[in-house]
Amino acid sequence: WSQVDTHVDIIAFERIISKALLNISAVDGELNKNILQLIDTVIPIKLPDNIPRKDRPEYSVSFSEEKNIGTIFVSFMTNDIWLSETIVHEFAHNLLNVLMLSNNLIINKKSVFYSPWKEKPRPAHGLLHALFSFSYAANFMGNLLLLADSPSQKFIENRLIMHVHRLKFAFDEPLEESLTDEGKKVYQIIKSYFLSSSISKILDLPCPEKLLAHKNKIMG
């Protein structure tokens, strides 16, 4: 684990995590309860060296590992709203990993698809994880927007616009063809929840140019 940040201020790290969990609890107490039941370890990680110094306090990097269910890796940040979203996102990854322990969801492991979050096409496993985790994160941020104070609203709105349009691009991919019957059920639950939620109305807003440029770059 060379990415682990051994120099982080642990007290400050714990404080901002506590604040993030309070945000989650204010939005959805049941979600917060589920997170606390599944996630028992949060490990601080370093930011990539190429992140500009001025952006580092607000920048978020995170990941989870299939072999370490219950553990999430997140970078230290001062933005508790973004950290709340990150925790929800990584919780969803862990939740899907638990589901995949006892259910085979992927039937075609060789096919690849466009991913609005990556710089190259992703296998079915990766795109399903992205849809699952970012749907969780987007719905959380949509509910948080209703409670947020004015200084936080613009940040949440900008995150939501990116999330929702990326999710739309990802749902346009023929992922179901590579899923088992159980995988298709999971996929349909995610898609139905996304399309029926209030955040889907954001699709009425223009898609950010950089997302369109990204798709053209990757897909040609």
Protein backbone atom coordinates (compact mmCIF):
# COMPACT_ATOMS: atom_id res chain seq x y z
CA TRP A 1 0.00 0.00 0.00
CA SER A 2 2.49 2.61 -1.17
CA GLN A 3 -0.37 5.10 -1.55
CA VAL A 4 -1.12 5.26 2.17
CA ASP A 5 -0.50 8.73 3.58
CA THR A 6 1.53 8.16 6.72
CA HIS A 7 1.94 11.90 7.35
CA VAL A 8 -1.71 12.90 7.50
CA ASP A 9 -2.99 14.73 10.58
CA ILE A 10 -5.06 11.87 12.03
CA ILE A 11 -7.08 14.11 14.37
CA ALA A 12 -8.04 16.43 11.51
CA PHE A 13 -8.75 13.40 9.30
CA GLU A 14 -11.09 11.89 11.89
CA ARG A 15 -12.78 15.27 12.41
CA ILE A 16 -13.60 15.79 8.74
CA ILE A 17 -14.84 12.18 8.42
CA SER A 18 -17.16 12.74 11.38
CA LYS A 19 -18.48 15.90 9.75
CA ALA A 20 -19.04 14.03 6.48
CA LEU A 21 -20.96 11.28 8.27
CA LEU A 22 -23.16 13.90 9.93
CA ASN A 23 -24.01 15.21 6.45
CA ILE A 24 -24.98 11.70 5.36
CA SER A 25 -27.05 11.14 8.48
CA ALA A 26 -28.91 14.43 7.94
CA VAL A 27 -29.87 13.32 4.42
CA ASP A 28 -30.56 9.65 5.05
CA GLY A 29 -30.23 8.11 8.50
CA GLU A 30 -30.72 4.58 7.16
CA LEU A 31 -27.93 5.05 4.61
CA ASN A 32 -25.61 6.32 7.32
CA LYS A 33 -26.49 3.31 9.48
CA ASN A 34 -25.73 0.93 6.61
CA ILE A 35 -22.41 2.63 5.95
CA LEU A 36 -21.38 2.29 9.58
CA GLN A 37 -22.36 -1.39 9.55
CA LEU A 38 -20.38 -2.24 6.43
CA ILE A 39 -17.43 0.17 6.51
CA ASP A 40 -15.18 -0.26 9.53
CA THR A 41 -11.89 1.15 8.24
CA VAL A 42 -11.01 4.39 6.43
CA ILE A 43 -7.40 4.64 5.29
CA PRO A 44 -5.89 7.99 4.23
CA ILE A 45 -4.07 7.96 0.89
CA LYS A 46 -1.75 10.37 -0.88
CA LEU A 47 -2.84 12.59 -3.74
CA PRO A 48 -1.08 12.09 -7.08
CA ASP A 49 1.96 14.32 -7.48
CA ASN A 50 0.52 15.96 -10.59
CA ILE A 51 -2.33 17.68 -8.71
CA PRO A 52 -1.54 21.46 -8.51
CA ARG A 53 -0.83 22.73 -5.00
CA LYS A 54 -3.71 25.22 -5.12
CA ASP A 55 -6.18 22.40 -5.86
CA ARG A 56 -4.87 19.85 -3.37
CA PRO A 57 -6.93 20.87 -0.28
CA GLU A 58 -10.17 20.35 -2.22
CA TYR A 59 -9.16 17.40 -4.40
CA SER A 60 -10.61 13.94 -3.87
CA VAL A 61 -9.03 10.57 -4.62
CA SER A 62 -10.55 7.33 -3.39
CA PHE A 63 -10.84 3.62 -4.10
CA SER A 64 -11.97 0.29 -2.65
CA GLU A 65 -10.66 -3.24 -3.12
CA GLU A 66 -12.64 -6.42 -3.70
CA LYS A 67 -10.36 -8.33 -1.34
CA ASN A 68 -10.80 -5.77 1.47
CA ILE A 69 -14.54 -5.40 1.92
CA GLY A 70 -15.25 -2.99 4.76
CA THR A 71 -12.25 -0.78 3.99
CA ILE A 72 -12.21 2.39 1.92
CA PHE A 73 -9.22 4.49 0.91
CA VAL A 74 -9.70 8.27 0.70
CA SER A 75 -7.45 11.30 0.47
CA PHE A 76 -7.60 13.98 3.13
CA MET A 77 -9.70 16.96 2.04
CA THR A 78 -11.19 20.03 3.66
CA ASN A 79 -14.48 19.85 1.74
CA ASP A 80 -16.79 17.78 3.94
CA ILE A 81 -19.53 17.81 1.27
CA TRP A 82 -17.24 16.16 -1.26
CA LEU A 83 -16.02 13.72 1.37
CA SER A 84 -19.63 12.78 2.15
CA GLU A 85 -20.17 11.98 -1.51
CA THR A 86 -16.91 10.02 -1.61
CA ILE A 87 -17.88 7.89 1.38
CA VAL A 88 -21.28 7.10 -0.17
CA HIS A 89 -19.57 6.27 -3.47
CA GLU A 90 -17.05 3.89 -1.89
CA PHE A 91 -19.73 2.33 0.31
CA ALA A 92 -21.63 1.47 -2.88
CA HIS A 93 -18.53 -0.19 -4.34
CA ASN A 94 -18.26 -2.30 -1.19
CA LEU A 95 -21.96 -3.14 -1.30
CA LEU A 96 -21.68 -4.37 -4.88
CA ASN A 97 -18.57 -6.36 -3.98
CA VAL A 98 -20.56 -8.13 -1.26
CA LEU A 99 -23.32 -8.89 -3.76
CA MET A 100 -20.81 -10.24 -6.27
CA LEU A 101 -19.35 -12.64 -3.72
CA SER A 102 -22.47 -14.80 -3.94
CA ASN A 103 -23.84 -13.84 -7.37
CA ASN A 104 -22.26 -14.10 -10.80
CA LEU A 105 -23.35 -10.89 -12.52
CA ILE A 106 -21.05 -10.87 -15.55
CA ILE A 107 -21.39 -13.34 -18.44
CA ASN A 108 -19.00 -11.73 -20.94
CA LYS A 109 -15.76 -10.59 -19.36
CA LYS A 110 -14.04 -9.73 -22.65
CA SER A 111 -16.38 -7.02 -23.93
CA VAL A 112 -15.49 -3.39 -23.27
CA PHE A 113 -17.58 -0.22 -23.14
CA TYR A 114 -17.21 3.53 -23.13
CA SER A 115 -16.85 4.91 -19.61
CA PRO A 116 -17.38 8.65 -19.05
CA TRP A 117 -15.14 8.41 -15.99
CA LYS A 118 -12.08 6.79 -17.56
CA GLU A 119 -9.57 7.50 -20.30
CA LYS A 120 -10.07 4.16 -21.99
CA PRO A 121 -12.95 1.67 -22.51
CA ARG A 122 -13.84 -0.46 -19.50
CA PRO A 123 -14.92 -4.12 -19.10
CA ALA A 124 -18.47 -4.92 -18.00
CA HIS A 125 -17.37 -5.38 -14.39
CA GLY A 126 -15.88 -1.87 -14.28
CA LEU A 127 -18.81 -0.14 -15.94
CA LEU A 128 -21.36 -1.91 -13.70
CA HIS A 129 -19.39 -0.79 -10.65
CA ALA A 130 -19.31 2.77 -11.96
CA LEU A 131 -23.06 2.85 -12.62
CA PHE A 132 -23.82 1.40 -9.19
CA SER A 133 -21.50 3.67 -7.19
CA PHE A 134 -22.12 6.92 -9.08
CA SER A 135 -25.90 6.37 -9.00
CA TYR A 136 -25.65 6.10 -5.21
CA ALA A 137 -23.49 9.22 -5.05
CA ALA A 138 -25.68 11.25 -7.41
CA ASN A 139 -28.90 10.44 -5.55
CA PHE A 140 -27.24 11.32 -2.26
CA MET A 141 -26.05 14.67 -3.63
CA GLY A 142 -29.50 15.37 -5.05
CA ASN A 143 -31.05 14.89 -1.61
CA LEU A 144 -28.27 16.86 0.06
CA LEU A 145 -28.94 19.79 -2.27
CA LEU A 146 -32.36 20.20 -0.67
CA LEU A 147 -30.73 20.71 2.74
CA ALA A 148 -27.52 22.53 1.81
CA ASP A 149 -26.78 26.15 2.67
CA SER A 150 -26.22 28.67 -0.11
CA PRO A 151 -22.38 28.45 -0.19
CA SER A 152 -22.58 24.70 -0.79
CA GLN A 153 -25.41 24.66 -3.32
CA LYS A 154 -23.37 25.67 -6.37
CA PHE A 155 -20.73 23.03 -5.67
CA ILE A 156 -23.40 20.32 -5.32
CA GLU A 157 -25.23 21.49 -8.45
CA ASN A 158 -22.02 21.34 -10.49
CA ARG A 159 -21.25 17.85 -9.22
CA LEU A 160 -24.78 16.71 -10.02
CA ILE A 161 -24.68 18.02 -13.58
CA MET A 162 -21.49 16.05 -14.24
CA HIS A 163 -22.78 12.90 -12.50
CA VAL A 164 -26.15 12.80 -14.24
CA HIS A 165 -24.84 13.36 -17.76
CA ARG A 166 -22.07 10.81 -17.23
CA LEU A 167 -24.61 8.30 -15.98
CA LYS A 168 -26.77 8.93 -19.05
CA PHE A 169 -23.79 8.24 -21.34
CA ALA A 170 -22.98 5.07 -19.41
CA PHE A 171 -26.58 3.81 -19.49
CA ASP A 172 -26.53 4.29 -23.27
CA GLU A 173 -23.89 1.55 -23.53
CA PRO A 174 -25.18 -2.00 -24.32
CA LEU A 175 -23.96 -3.34 -20.99
CA GLU A 176 -26.92 -5.69 -20.42
CA GLU A 177 -25.70 -7.93 -23.23
CA SER A 178 -22.72 -8.88 -21.05
CA LEU A 179 -24.68 -9.54 -17.85
CA THR A 180 -26.22 -12.69 -16.41
CA ASP A 181 -29.90 -12.72 -15.47
CA GLU A 182 -28.94 -11.67 -11.94
CA GLY A 183 -26.70 -8.96 -13.34
CA LYS A 184 -29.54 -7.67 -15.52
CA LYS A 185 -31.78 -7.42 -12.44
CA VAL A 186 -29.17 -5.32 -10.64
CA TYR A 187 -28.68 -3.17 -13.74
CA GLN A 188 -32.42 -2.58 -14.17
CA ILE A 189 -32.83 -1.62 -10.52
CA ILE A 190 -30.04 0.95 -10.85
CA LYS A 191 -31.41 2.33 -14.13
CA SER A 192 -35.04 2.49 -12.96
CA TYR A 193 -34.02 4.25 -9.74
CA PHE A 194 -31.96 6.76 -11.71
CA LEU A 195 -34.68 7.52 -14.28
CA SER A 196 -37.43 7.81 -11.66
CA SER A 197 -35.49 10.08 -9.31
CA SER A 198 -35.69 13.87 -9.36
CA ILE A 199 -32.04 14.20 -10.38
CA SER A 200 -32.83 12.79 -13.85
CA LYS A 201 -34.46 16.16 -14.61
CA ILE A 202 -30.93 17.55 -14.83
CA LEU A 203 -30.77 15.87 -18.23
CA ASP A 204 -32.92 18.79 -19.43
CA LEU A 205 -29.85 20.99 -18.92
CA PRO A 206 -27.15 21.12 -21.63
CA CYS A 207 -24.43 18.50 -21.33
CA PRO A 208 -21.09 20.06 -20.31
CA GLU A 209 -18.83 20.50 -23.33
CA LYS A 210 -15.93 18.72 -21.66
CA LEU A 211 -18.02 15.55 -21.33
CA LEU A 212 -18.91 15.63 -25.01
CA ALA A 213 -15.26 16.23 -25.85
CA HIS A 214 -14.24 13.29 -23.66
CA LYS A 215 -16.61 10.92 -25.43
CA ASN A 216 -15.42 12.07 -28.85
CA LYS A 217 -11.81 11.63 -27.77
CA ILE A 218 -12.27 8.10 -26.45
CA MET A 219 -14.76 6.80 -28.99
CA GLY A 220 -13.56 8.73 -32.02
